C-alpha atoms as a PDB file:
ATOM      1  CA  MET A   1    -100.970 228.292 160.789  1.00  0.00           C
ATOM      2  CA  ALA A   2    -102.100 224.675 160.605  1.00  0.00           C
ATOM      3  CA  THR A   3    -104.719 223.695 158.058  1.00  0.00           C
ATOM      4  CA  LYS A   4    -107.408 221.184 158.650  1.00  0.00           C
ATOM      5  CA  ALA A   5    -107.721 218.305 156.280  1.00  0.00           C
ATOM      6  CA  LYS A   6    -110.999 218.124 154.483  1.00  0.00           C
ATOM      7  CA  LYS A   7    -113.223 215.379 155.772  1.00  0.00           C
ATOM      8  CA  THR A   8    -114.472 213.170 153.046  1.00  0.00           C
ATOM      9  CA  SER A   9    -117.363 210.765 153.482  1.00  0.00           C
ATOM     10  CA  SER A  10    -118.452 207.955 151.259  1.00  0.00           C
ATOM     11  CA  VAL A  11    -121.532 205.908 151.036  1.00  0.00           C
ATOM     12  CA  TYR A  12    -121.457 202.260 150.039  1.00  0.00           C
ATOM     13  CA  LYS A  13    -124.346 200.046 148.925  1.00  0.00           C
ATOM     14  CA  VAL A  14    -124.354 196.370 149.884  1.00  0.00           C
ATOM     15  CA  ILE A  15    -126.059 193.615 147.820  1.00  0.00           C
ATOM     16  CA  GLU A  16    -126.365 189.904 148.074  1.00  0.00           C
ATOM     17  CA  LEU A  17    -125.460 187.687 145.209  1.00  0.00           C
ATOM     18  CA  VAL A  18    -125.317 183.905 144.654  1.00  0.00           C
ATOM     19  CA  GLY A  19    -122.659 182.521 142.371  1.00  0.00           C
ATOM     20  CA  THR A  20    -122.595 178.858 141.133  1.00  0.00           C
ATOM     21  CA  SER A  21    -119.992 176.522 139.831  1.00  0.00           C
ATOM     22  CA  THR A  22    -119.659 172.856 139.031  1.00  0.00           C
ATOM     23  CA  GLU A  23    -116.123 172.902 140.423  1.00  0.00           C
ATOM     24  CA  SER A  24    -115.896 174.690 143.794  1.00  0.00           C
ATOM     25  CA  TRP A  25    -117.285 177.274 146.238  1.00  0.00           C
ATOM     26  CA  GLU A  26    -114.328 179.490 145.482  1.00  0.00           C
ATOM     27  CA  LYS A  27    -115.097 179.565 141.754  1.00  0.00           C
ATOM     28  CA  ALA A  28    -118.783 180.084 142.541  1.00  0.00           C
ATOM     29  CA  ALA A  29    -117.861 183.298 144.574  1.00  0.00           C
ATOM     30  CA  ALA A  30    -115.470 184.419 141.924  1.00  0.00           C
ATOM     31  CA  SER A  31    -118.200 184.030 139.315  1.00  0.00           C
ATOM     32  CA  ALA A  32    -120.551 186.273 141.269  1.00  0.00           C
ATOM     33  CA  VAL A  33    -117.858 188.977 141.696  1.00  0.00           C
ATOM     34  CA  SER A  34    -116.842 188.873 138.071  1.00  0.00           C
ATOM     35  CA  THR A  35    -120.429 189.106 136.857  1.00  0.00           C
ATOM     36  CA  ALA A  36    -121.139 191.978 139.238  1.00  0.00           C
ATOM     37  CA  ALA A  37    -117.992 193.854 138.121  1.00  0.00           C
ATOM     38  CA  LYS A  38    -119.444 194.036 134.577  1.00  0.00           C
ATOM     39  CA  THR A  39    -122.251 196.371 135.623  1.00  0.00           C
ATOM     40  CA  LEU A  40    -121.228 197.757 138.981  1.00  0.00           C
ATOM     41  CA  ARG A  41    -118.360 200.294 139.458  1.00  0.00           C
ATOM     42  CA  ASP A  42    -116.025 200.605 142.357  1.00  0.00           C
ATOM     43  CA  LEU A  43    -116.552 197.221 143.962  1.00  0.00           C
ATOM     44  CA  ARG A  44    -114.892 197.279 147.465  1.00  0.00           C
ATOM     45  CA  ILE A  45    -115.530 194.230 149.584  1.00  0.00           C
ATOM     46  CA  ALA A  46    -116.994 190.749 149.025  1.00  0.00           C
ATOM     47  CA  GLU A  47    -117.967 188.768 152.056  1.00  0.00           C
ATOM     48  CA  VAL A  48    -118.924 185.096 151.994  1.00  0.00           C
ATOM     49  CA  VAL A  49    -122.235 184.728 153.786  1.00  0.00           C
ATOM     50  CA  ASP A  50    -123.173 181.130 153.095  1.00  0.00           C
ATOM     51  CA  MET A  51    -122.247 178.103 151.020  1.00  0.00           C
ATOM     52  CA  ASP A  52    -124.335 175.170 149.903  1.00  0.00           C
ATOM     53  CA  MET A  53    -124.436 172.496 147.247  1.00  0.00           C
ATOM     54  CA  GLN A  54    -127.060 171.496 144.781  1.00  0.00           C
ATOM     55  CA  LEU A  55    -127.483 167.646 144.768  1.00  0.00           C
ATOM     56  CA  ASP A  56    -128.976 165.219 142.340  1.00  0.00           C
ATOM     57  CA  LYS A  57    -129.335 161.471 143.193  1.00  0.00           C
ATOM     58  CA  GLY A  58    -126.882 161.938 146.107  1.00  0.00           C
ATOM     59  CA  LYS A  59    -124.164 163.598 143.986  1.00  0.00           C
ATOM     60  CA  VAL A  60    -122.960 167.251 143.935  1.00  0.00           C
ATOM     61  CA  ILE A  61    -123.944 168.904 140.759  1.00  0.00           C
ATOM     62  CA  ALA A  62    -123.176 172.530 141.749  1.00  0.00           C
ATOM     63  CA  TYR A  63    -121.533 174.580 144.466  1.00  0.00           C
ATOM     64  CA  ARG A  64    -123.313 177.786 145.443  1.00  0.00           C
ATOM     65  CA  THR A  65    -121.746 180.580 147.300  1.00  0.00           C
ATOM     66  CA  LYS A  66    -123.874 183.566 148.670  1.00  0.00           C
ATOM     67  CA  ILE A  67    -121.802 186.768 149.048  1.00  0.00           C
ATOM     68  CA  LYS A  68    -122.389 190.299 150.131  1.00  0.00           C
ATOM     69  CA  VAL A  69    -120.718 192.807 147.831  1.00  0.00           C
ATOM     70  CA  SER A  70    -120.243 196.431 148.601  1.00  0.00           C
ATOM     71  CA  PHE A  71    -119.642 199.186 146.024  1.00  0.00           C
ATOM     72  CA  LYS A  72    -119.419 202.999 146.217  1.00  0.00           C
ATOM     73  CA  TYR A  73    -122.791 204.558 145.923  1.00  0.00           C
ATOM     74  CA  SER A  74    -123.017 207.423 143.420  1.00  0.00           C
ATOM     75  CA  LYS A  75    -126.036 209.445 142.365  1.00  0.00           C
ATOM     76  CA  GLU A  76    -124.642 209.711 138.838  1.00  0.00           C
END
């Protein structure tokens, strides 16, 4: 007799974060993820949504990367 596998379902929450770096957009995104990982559990996906630069007198002073981060939702 065949047994049916249990269906498992999960719920994920998605939030937007903005990371900054004086070096690159990549480091800005990594900064946002590493900061989020300190307080959120079970991070799953990070999607780059937007990138921009902060300017001062025509020079780049900071790279900013907006990301969407998903993590497993838990009632605990």
